Amino acid sequence: MSAEAAGLVLQGIEHRFTLVWLDGDEYCAAIRRMAQLGIVGGAVYDGLVAACALKAGADHLYTWNVRHFDLLGAEIQKLVAMPPAV
């Protein structure tokens, strides 16, 4: 994808969705929780996504990698689902 195309994609996202991010304290708390759970590697990024979903009060968290999210405990497991088939 070209830089121009990526910029257009981001513009589309900004107009359709509410962006959610963690502040410094929330980020550190999420990392500490994952460390306590023994989560390492790429699953840490999924844990940060899950922390944002909780912060946003999401009803669902769609992923094709359910296994990583299952490591994060019951609070996240109840949100996680595979995306519907297209």
PDB file of N, CA and C in Angstrom:
ATOM      1  N   MET A   1       0.849  -1.163   0.000  1.00  0.00           N
ATOM      2  CA  MET A   1       0.000   0.000   0.000  1.00  0.00           C
ATOM      3  C   MET A   1       0.898   1.230   0.000  1.00  0.00           C
ATOM      4  N   SER A   2       0.579   2.170  -0.836  1.00  0.00           N
ATOM      5  CA  SER A   2       1.359   3.398  -0.888  1.00  0.00           C
ATOM      6  C   SER A   2       1.054   4.267   0.339  1.00  0.00           C
ATOM      7  N   ALA A   3       1.932   5.214   0.600  1.00  0.00           N
ATOM      8  CA  ALA A   3       1.714   6.144   1.714  1.00  0.00           C
ATOM      9  C   ALA A   3       0.432   6.942   1.492  1.00  0.00           C
ATOM     10  N   GLU A   4       0.175   7.313   0.257  1.00  0.00           N
ATOM     11  CA  GLU A   4      -1.045   8.076  -0.052  1.00  0.00           C
ATOM     12  C   GLU A   4      -2.294   7.233   0.224  1.00  0.00           C
ATOM     13  N   ALA A   5      -2.266   5.986  -0.206  1.00  0.00           N
ATOM     14  CA  ALA A   5      -3.412   5.102   0.035  1.00  0.00           C
ATOM     15  C   ALA A   5      -3.612   4.876   1.533  1.00  0.00           C
ATOM     16  N   ALA A   6      -2.522   4.683   2.270  1.00  0.00           N
ATOM     17  CA  ALA A   6      -2.620   4.492   3.723  1.00  0.00           C
ATOM     18  C   ALA A   6      -3.230   5.720   4.381  1.00  0.00           C
ATOM     19  N   GLY A   7      -2.848   6.899   3.919  1.00  0.00           N
ATOM     20  CA  GLY A   7      -3.426   8.140   4.450  1.00  0.00           C
ATOM     21  C   GLY A   7      -4.920   8.212   4.216  1.00  0.00           C
ATOM     22  N   LEU A   8      -5.370   7.797   3.040  1.00  0.00           N
ATOM     23  CA  LEU A   8      -6.798   7.790   2.738  1.00  0.00           C
ATOM     24  C   LEU A   8      -7.555   6.793   3.615  1.00  0.00           C
ATOM     25  N   VAL A   9      -6.951   5.637   3.842  1.00  0.00           N
ATOM     26  CA  VAL A   9      -7.573   4.644   4.722  1.00  0.00           C
ATOM     27  C   VAL A   9      -7.739   5.227   6.122  1.00  0.00           C
ATOM     28  N   LEU A  10      -6.702   5.870   6.626  1.00  0.00           N
ATOM     29  CA  LEU A  10      -6.783   6.467   7.959  1.00  0.00           C
ATOM     30  C   LEU A  10      -7.841   7.557   8.032  1.00  0.00           C
ATOM     31  N   GLN A  11      -7.964   8.357   6.994  1.00  0.00           N
ATOM     32  CA  GLN A  11      -9.007   9.382   6.974  1.00  0.00           C
ATOM     33  C   GLN A  11     -10.385   8.744   7.062  1.00  0.00           C
ATOM     34  N   GLY A  12     -10.574   7.643   6.344  1.00  0.00           N
ATOM     35  CA  GLY A  12     -11.854   6.943   6.391  1.00  0.00           C
ATOM     36  C   GLY A  12     -12.152   6.397   7.769  1.00  0.00           C
ATOM     37  N   ILE A  13     -11.135   5.873   8.422  1.00  0.00           N
ATOM     38  CA  ILE A  13     -11.307   5.336   9.775  1.00  0.00           C
ATOM     39  C   ILE A  13     -11.690   6.452  10.741  1.00  0.00           C
ATOM     40  N   GLU A  14     -10.993   7.570  10.649  1.00  0.00           N
ATOM     41  CA  GLU A  14     -11.251   8.684  11.567  1.00  0.00           C
ATOM     42  C   GLU A  14     -12.674   9.213  11.436  1.00  0.00           C
ATOM     43  N   HIS A  15     -13.255   9.123  10.268  1.00  0.00           N
ATOM     44  CA  HIS A  15     -14.608   9.637  10.051  1.00  0.00           C
ATOM     45  C   HIS A  15     -15.697   8.653  10.459  1.00  0.00           C
ATOM     46  N   ARG A  16     -15.352   7.384  10.589  1.00  0.00           N
ATOM     47  CA  ARG A  16     -16.359   6.364  10.858  1.00  0.00           C
ATOM     48  C   ARG A  16     -16.311   5.793  12.274  1.00  0.00           C
ATOM     49  N   PHE A  17     -15.195   5.938  12.939  1.00  0.00           N
ATOM     50  CA  PHE A  17     -15.008   5.299  14.234  1.00  0.00           C
ATOM     51  C   PHE A  17     -14.534   6.296  15.275  1.00  0.00           C
ATOM     52  N   THR A  18     -14.762   5.955  16.518  1.00  0.00           N
ATOM     53  CA  THR A  18     -14.201   6.711  17.623  1.00  0.00           C
ATOM     54  C   THR A  18     -12.890   6.048  18.005  1.00  0.00           C
ATOM     55  N   LEU A  19     -11.808   6.794  17.942  1.00  0.00           N
ATOM     56  CA  LEU A  19     -10.508   6.242  18.302  1.00  0.00           C
ATOM     57  C   LEU A  19     -10.371   6.184  19.815  1.00  0.00           C
ATOM     58  N   VAL A  20      -9.815   5.086  20.302  1.00  0.00           N
ATOM     59  CA  VAL A  20      -9.625   4.872  21.735  1.00  0.00           C
ATOM     60  C   VAL A  20      -8.159   4.554  21.963  1.00  0.00           C
ATOM     61  N   TRP A  21      -7.574   5.145  22.976  1.00  0.00           N
ATOM     62  CA  TRP A  21      -6.183   4.867  23.318  1.00  0.00           C
ATOM     63  C   TRP A  21      -6.031   4.872  24.819  1.00  0.00           C
ATOM     64  N   LEU A  22      -4.946   4.286  25.271  1.00  0.00           N
ATOM     65  CA  LEU A  22      -4.645   4.209  26.697  1.00  0.00           C
ATOM     66  C   LEU A  22      -3.719   5.356  27.072  1.00  0.00           C
ATOM     67  N   ASP A  23      -3.991   5.973  28.231  1.00  0.00           N
ATOM     68  CA  ASP A  23      -3.036   6.960  28.729  1.00  0.00           C
ATOM     69  C   ASP A  23      -1.882   6.197  29.391  1.00  0.00           C
ATOM     70  N   GLY A  24      -0.908   6.905  29.883  1.00  0.00           N
ATOM     71  CA  GLY A  24       0.285   6.260  30.442  1.00  0.00           C
ATOM     72  C   GLY A  24      -0.022   5.304  31.575  1.00  0.00           C
ATOM     73  N   ASP A  25      -0.883   5.705  32.509  1.00  0.00           N
ATOM     74  CA  ASP A  25      -1.229   4.836  33.644  1.00  0.00           C
ATOM     75  C   ASP A  25      -1.979   3.593  33.190  1.00  0.00           C
ATOM     76  N   GLU A  26      -2.909   3.762  32.242  1.00  0.00           N
ATOM     77  CA  GLU A  26      -3.672   2.622  31.725  1.00  0.00           C
ATOM     78  C   GLU A  26      -2.763   1.654  30.972  1.00  0.00           C
ATOM     79  N   TYR A  27      -1.844   2.212  30.209  1.00  0.00           N
ATOM     80  CA  TYR A  27      -0.896   1.390  29.455  1.00  0.00           C
ATOM     81  C   TYR A  27      -0.037   0.572  30.414  1.00  0.00           C
ATOM     82  N   CYS A  28       0.515   1.219  31.438  1.00  0.00           N
ATOM     83  CA  CYS A  28       1.358   0.500  32.401  1.00  0.00           C
ATOM     84  C   CYS A  28       0.564  -0.573  33.141  1.00  0.00           C
ATOM     85  N   ALA A  29      -0.674  -0.263  33.504  1.00  0.00           N
ATOM     86  CA  ALA A  29      -1.512  -1.248  34.191  1.00  0.00           C
ATOM     87  C   ALA A  29      -1.773  -2.456  33.294  1.00  0.00           C
ATOM     88  N   ALA A  30      -2.021  -2.201  32.017  1.00  0.00           N
ATOM     89  CA  ALA A  30      -2.268  -3.303  31.079  1.00  0.00           C
ATOM     90  C   ALA A  30      -1.016  -4.169  30.920  1.00  0.00           C
ATOM     91  N   ILE A  31       0.142  -3.543  30.806  1.00  0.00           N
ATOM     92  CA  ILE A  31       1.392  -4.294  30.677  1.00  0.00           C
ATOM     93  C   ILE A  31       1.671  -5.099  31.943  1.00  0.00           C
ATOM     94  N   ARG A  32       1.436  -4.503  33.110  1.00  0.00           N
ATOM     95  CA  ARG A  32       1.632  -5.238  34.372  1.00  0.00           C
ATOM     96  C   ARG A  32       0.708  -6.455  34.439  1.00  0.00           C
ATOM     97  N   ARG A  33      -0.540  -6.277  34.041  1.00  0.00           N
ATOM     98  CA  ARG A  33      -1.502  -7.391  34.076  1.00  0.00           C
ATOM     99  C   ARG A  33      -1.050  -8.518  33.153  1.00  0.00           C
ATOM    100  N   MET A  34      -0.590  -8.171  31.978  1.00  0.00           N
ATOM    101  CA  MET A  34      -0.127  -9.203  31.047  1.00  0.00           C
ATOM    102  C   MET A  34       1.122  -9.894  31.570  1.00  0.00           C
ATOM    103  N   ALA A  35       2.004  -9.155  32.207  1.00  0.00           N
ATOM    104  CA  ALA A  35       3.202  -9.763  32.800  1.00  0.00           C
ATOM    105  C   ALA A  35       2.802 -10.755  33.881  1.00  0.00           C
ATOM    106  N   GLN A  36       1.820 -10.389  34.708  1.00  0.00           N
ATOM    107  CA  GLN A  36       1.343 -11.299  35.755  1.00  0.00           C
ATOM    108  C   GLN A  36       0.736 -12.564  35.165  1.00  0.00           C
ATOM    109  N   LEU A  37       0.112 -12.431  33.992  1.00  0.00           N
ATOM    110  CA  LEU A  37      -0.500 -13.581  33.322  1.00  0.00           C
ATOM    111  C   LEU A  37       0.512 -14.382  32.509  1.00  0.00           C
ATOM    112  N   GLY A  38       1.749 -13.891  32.415  1.00  0.00           N
ATOM    113  CA  GLY A  38       2.779 -14.584  31.651  1.00  0.00           C
ATOM    114  C   GLY A  38       2.653 -14.406  30.145  1.00  0.00           C
ATOM    115  N   ILE A  39       1.994 -13.355  29.721  1.00  0.00           N
ATOM    116  CA  ILE A  39       1.782 -13.107  28.297  1.00  0.00           C
ATOM    117  C   ILE A  39       2.989 -12.371  27.733  1.00  0.00           C
ATOM    118  N   VAL A  40       3.518 -12.886  26.633  1.00  0.00           N
ATOM    119  CA  VAL A  40       4.689 -12.296  25.981  1.00  0.00           C
ATOM    120  C   VAL A  40       4.465 -12.254  24.469  1.00  0.00           C
ATOM    121  N   GLY A  41       5.379 -11.603  23.777  1.00  0.00           N
ATOM    122  CA  GLY A  41       5.359 -11.592  22.316  1.00  0.00           C
ATOM    123  C   GLY A  41       4.178 -10.832  21.750  1.00  0.00           C
ATOM    124  N   GLY A  42       3.739 -11.287  20.580  1.00  0.00           N
ATOM    125  CA  GLY A  42       2.651 -10.619  19.867  1.00  0.00           C
ATOM    126  C   GLY A  42       1.352 -10.558  20.634  1.00  0.00           C
ATOM    127  N   ALA A  43       1.155 -11.481  21.565  1.00  0.00           N
ATOM    128  CA  ALA A  43      -0.076 -11.476  22.365  1.00  0.00           C
ATOM    129  C   ALA A  43      -0.178 -10.218  23.225  1.00  0.00           C
ATOM    130  N   VAL A  44       0.950  -9.562  23.489  1.00  0.00           N
ATOM    131  CA  VAL A  44       0.918  -8.309  24.258  1.00  0.00           C
ATOM    132  C   VAL A  44       0.146  -7.250  23.489  1.00  0.00           C
ATOM    133  N   TYR A  45       0.340  -7.181  22.183  1.00  0.00           N
ATOM    134  CA  TYR A  45      -0.409  -6.213  21.377  1.00  0.00           C
ATOM    135  C   TYR A  45      -1.903  -6.492  21.445  1.00  0.00           C
ATOM    136  N   ASP A  46      -2.269  -7.762  21.411  1.00  0.00           N
ATOM    137  CA  ASP A  46      -3.679  -8.120  21.545  1.00  0.00           C
ATOM    138  C   ASP A  46      -4.201  -7.710  22.911  1.00  0.00           C
ATOM    139  N   GLY A  47      -3.368  -7.839  23.934  1.00  0.00           N
ATOM    140  CA  GLY A  47      -3.763  -7.408  25.268  1.00  0.00           C
ATOM    141  C   GLY A  47      -4.018  -5.909  25.335  1.00  0.00           C
ATOM    142  N   LEU A  48      -3.235  -5.131  24.615  1.00  0.00           N
ATOM    143  CA  LEU A  48      -3.451  -3.685  24.575  1.00  0.00           C
ATOM    144  C   LEU A  48      -4.738  -3.348  23.831  1.00  0.00           C
ATOM    145  N   VAL A  49      -5.017  -4.077  22.768  1.00  0.00           N
ATOM    146  CA  VAL A  49      -6.287  -3.905  22.055  1.00  0.00           C
ATOM    147  C   VAL A  49      -7.448  -4.231  22.997  1.00  0.00           C
ATOM    148  N   ALA A  50      -7.321  -5.305  23.760  1.00  0.00           N
ATOM    149  CA  ALA A  50      -8.363  -5.695  24.702  1.00  0.00           C
ATOM    150  C   ALA A  50      -8.561  -4.627  25.773  1.00  0.00           C
ATOM    151  N   ALA A  51      -7.480  -4.038  26.262  1.00  0.00           N
ATOM    152  CA  ALA A  51      -7.588  -2.969  27.259  1.00  0.00           C
ATOM    153  C   ALA A  51      -8.347  -1.780  26.678  1.00  0.00           C
ATOM    154  N   CYS A  52      -8.109  -1.471  25.427  1.00  0.00           N
ATOM    155  CA  CYS A  52      -8.848  -0.385  24.771  1.00  0.00           C
ATOM    156  C   CYS A  52     -10.326  -0.741  24.621  1.00  0.00           C
ATOM    157  N   ALA A  53     -10.610  -2.001  24.293  1.00  0.00           N
ATOM    158  CA  ALA A  53     -12.006  -2.433  24.165  1.00  0.00           C
ATOM    159  C   ALA A  53     -12.741  -2.284  25.493  1.00  0.00           C
ATOM    160  N   LEU A  54     -12.086  -2.653  26.582  1.00  0.00           N
ATOM    161  CA  LEU A  54     -12.699  -2.487  27.902  1.00  0.00           C
ATOM    162  C   LEU A  54     -12.911  -1.016  28.213  1.00  0.00           C
ATOM    163  N   LYS A  55     -11.923  -0.194  27.923  1.00  0.00           N
ATOM    164  CA  LYS A  55     -12.031   1.247  28.183  1.00  0.00           C
ATOM    165  C   LYS A  55     -13.204   1.849  27.410  1.00  0.00           C
ATOM    166  N   ALA A  56     -13.394   1.396  26.175  1.00  0.00           N
ATOM    167  CA  ALA A  56     -14.451   1.927  25.321  1.00  0.00           C
ATOM    168  C   ALA A  56     -15.828   1.367  25.673  1.00  0.00           C
ATOM    169  N   GLY A  57     -15.869   0.337  26.514  1.00  0.00           N
ATOM    170  CA  GLY A  57     -17.149  -0.299  26.832  1.00  0.00           C
ATOM    171  C   GLY A  57     -17.691  -1.100  25.662  1.00  0.00           C
ATOM    172  N   ALA A  58     -16.802  -1.695  24.896  1.00  0.00           N
ATOM    173  CA  ALA A  58     -17.204  -2.461  23.706  1.00  0.00           C
ATOM    174  C   ALA A  58     -18.086  -3.642  24.093  1.00  0.00           C
ATOM    175  N   ASP A  59     -19.045  -3.929  23.235  1.00  0.00           N
ATOM    176  CA  ASP A  59     -19.904  -5.101  23.418  1.00  0.00           C
ATOM    177  C   ASP A  59     -19.272  -6.347  22.820  1.00  0.00           C
ATOM    178  N   HIS A  60     -18.441  -6.161  21.800  1.00  0.00           N
ATOM    179  CA  HIS A  60     -17.796  -7.265  21.103  1.00  0.00           C
ATOM    180  C   HIS A  60     -16.377  -6.856  20.734  1.00  0.00           C
ATOM    181  N   LEU A  61     -15.511  -7.846  20.649  1.00  0.00           N
ATOM    182  CA  LEU A  61     -14.148  -7.655  20.167  1.00  0.00           C
ATOM    183  C   LEU A  61     -13.917  -8.754  19.145  1.00  0.00           C
ATOM    184  N   TYR A  62     -13.938  -8.386  17.873  1.00  0.00           N
ATOM    185  CA  TYR A  62     -13.812  -9.368  16.802  1.00  0.00           C
ATOM    186  C   TYR A  62     -12.344  -9.597  16.456  1.00  0.00           C
ATOM    187  N   THR A  63     -11.972 -10.871  16.312  1.00  0.00           N
ATOM    188  CA  THR A  63     -10.602 -11.240  15.965  1.00  0.00           C
ATOM    189  C   THR A  63     -10.591 -12.613  15.319  1.00  0.00           C
ATOM    190  N   TRP A  64      -9.597 -12.823  14.459  1.00  0.00           N
ATOM    191  CA  TRP A  64      -9.373 -14.161  13.916  1.00  0.00           C
ATOM    192  C   TRP A  64      -8.380 -14.913  14.790  1.00  0.00           C
ATOM    193  N   ASN A  65      -7.871 -14.266  15.830  1.00  0.00           N
ATOM    194  CA  ASN A  65      -6.890 -14.889  16.717  1.00  0.00           C
ATOM    195  C   ASN A  65      -7.464 -14.977  18.139  1.00  0.00           C
ATOM    196  N   VAL A  66      -8.524 -15.715  18.291  1.00  0.00           N
ATOM    197  CA  VAL A  66      -9.219 -15.847  19.570  1.00  0.00           C
ATOM    198  C   VAL A  66      -8.287 -16.375  20.655  1.00  0.00           C
ATOM    199  N   ARG A  67      -7.363 -17.240  20.287  1.00  0.00           N
ATOM    200  CA  ARG A  67      -6.469 -17.869  21.268  1.00  0.00           C
ATOM    201  C   ARG A  67      -5.708 -16.839  22.106  1.00  0.00           C
ATOM    202  N   HIS A  68      -5.163 -15.805  21.472  1.00  0.00           N
ATOM    203  CA  HIS A  68      -4.428 -14.783  22.224  1.00  0.00           C
ATOM    204  C   HIS A  68      -5.336 -14.074  23.231  1.00  0.00           C
ATOM    205  N   PHE A  69      -6.555 -13.810  22.844  1.00  0.00           N
ATOM    206  CA  PHE A  69      -7.475 -13.092  23.719  1.00  0.00           C
ATOM    207  C   PHE A  69      -7.983 -13.980  24.847  1.00  0.00           C
ATOM    208  N   ASP A  70      -8.052 -15.284  24.598  1.00  0.00           N
ATOM    209  CA  ASP A  70      -8.468 -16.221  25.650  1.00  0.00           C
ATOM    210  C   ASP A  70      -7.501 -16.219  26.828  1.00  0.00           C
ATOM    211  N   LEU A  71      -6.259 -15.839  26.576  1.00  0.00           N
ATOM    212  CA  LEU A  71      -5.253 -15.795  27.639  1.00  0.00           C
ATOM    213  C   LEU A  71      -5.500 -14.663  28.630  1.00  0.00           C
ATOM    214  N   LEU A  72      -6.362 -13.716  28.266  1.00  0.00           N
ATOM    215  CA  LEU A  72      -6.524 -12.487  29.041  1.00  0.00           C
ATOM    216  C   LEU A  72      -7.589 -12.560  30.127  1.00  0.00           C
ATOM    217  N   GLY A  73      -8.258 -13.679  30.268  1.00  0.00           N
ATOM    218  CA  GLY A  73      -9.220 -13.846  31.350  1.00  0.00           C
ATOM    219  C   GLY A  73     -10.669 -13.675  30.926  1.00  0.00           C
ATOM    220  N   ALA A  74     -11.555 -13.966  31.852  1.00  0.00           N
ATOM    221  CA  ALA A  74     -12.995 -14.035  31.593  1.00  0.00           C
ATOM    222  C   ALA A  74     -13.587 -12.711  31.128  1.00  0.00           C
ATOM    223  N   GLU A  75     -13.091 -11.600  31.658  1.00  0.00           N
ATOM    224  CA  GLU A  75     -13.642 -10.286  31.298  1.00  0.00           C
ATOM    225  C   GLU A  75     -13.501 -10.030  29.793  1.00  0.00           C
ATOM    226  N   ILE A  76     -12.390 -10.469  29.227  1.00  0.00           N
ATOM    227  CA  ILE A  76     -12.152 -10.313  27.793  1.00  0.00           C
ATOM    228  C   ILE A  76     -12.809 -11.439  27.010  1.00  0.00           C
ATOM    229  N   GLN A  77     -12.732 -12.662  27.525  1.00  0.00           N
ATOM    230  CA  GLN A  77     -13.283 -13.817  26.816  1.00  0.00           C
ATOM    231  C   GLN A  77     -14.755 -13.616  26.454  1.00  0.00           C
ATOM    232  N   LYS A  78     -15.508 -12.952  27.324  1.00  0.00           N
ATOM    233  CA  LYS A  78     -16.933 -12.765  27.044  1.00  0.00           C
ATOM    234  C   LYS A  78     -17.186 -11.788  25.891  1.00  0.00           C
ATOM    235  N   LEU A  79     -16.184 -10.964  25.534  1.00  0.00           N
ATOM    236  CA  LEU A  79     -16.316 -10.023  24.435  1.00  0.00           C
ATOM    237  C   LEU A  79     -15.868 -10.584  23.090  1.00  0.00           C
ATOM    238  N   VAL A  80     -14.974 -11.563  23.130  1.00  0.00           N
ATOM    239  CA  VAL A  80     -14.286 -12.018  21.928  1.00  0.00           C
ATOM    240  C   VAL A  80     -15.145 -12.936  21.081  1.00  0.00           C
ATOM    241  N   ALA A  81     -15.104 -12.661  19.763  1.00  0.00           N
ATOM    242  CA  ALA A  81     -15.822 -13.502  18.802  1.00  0.00           C
ATOM    243  C   ALA A  81     -15.095 -13.430  17.470  1.00  0.00           C
ATOM    244  N   MET A  82     -15.253 -14.477  16.679  1.00  0.00           N
ATOM    245  CA  MET A  82     -14.736 -14.465  15.314  1.00  0.00           C
ATOM    246  C   MET A  82     -15.636 -13.536  14.493  1.00  0.00           C
ATOM    247  N   PRO A  83     -15.067 -12.822  13.525  1.00  0.00           N
ATOM    248  CA  PRO A  83     -15.896 -11.971  12.672  1.00  0.00           C
ATOM    249  C   PRO A  83     -16.905 -12.823  11.888  1.00  0.00           C
ATOM    250  N   PRO A  84     -18.072 -12.270  11.639  1.00  0.00           N
ATOM    251  CA  PRO A  84     -19.047 -13.022  10.858  1.00  0.00           C
ATOM    252  C   PRO A  84     -18.524 -13.297   9.445  1.00  0.00           C
ATOM    253  N   ALA A  85     -18.900 -14.413   8.896  1.00  0.00           N
ATOM    254  CA  ALA A  85     -18.498 -14.765   7.526  1.00  0.00           C
ATOM    255  C   ALA A  85     -19.137 -13.784   6.558  1.00  0.00           C
ATOM    256  N   VAL A  86     -18.377 -13.436   5.539  1.00  0.00           N
ATOM    257  CA  VAL A  86     -18.887 -12.490   4.540  1.00  0.00           C
ATOM    258  C   VAL A  86     -19.401 -13.230   3.347  1.00  0.00           C
TER     259      VAL A  86
END
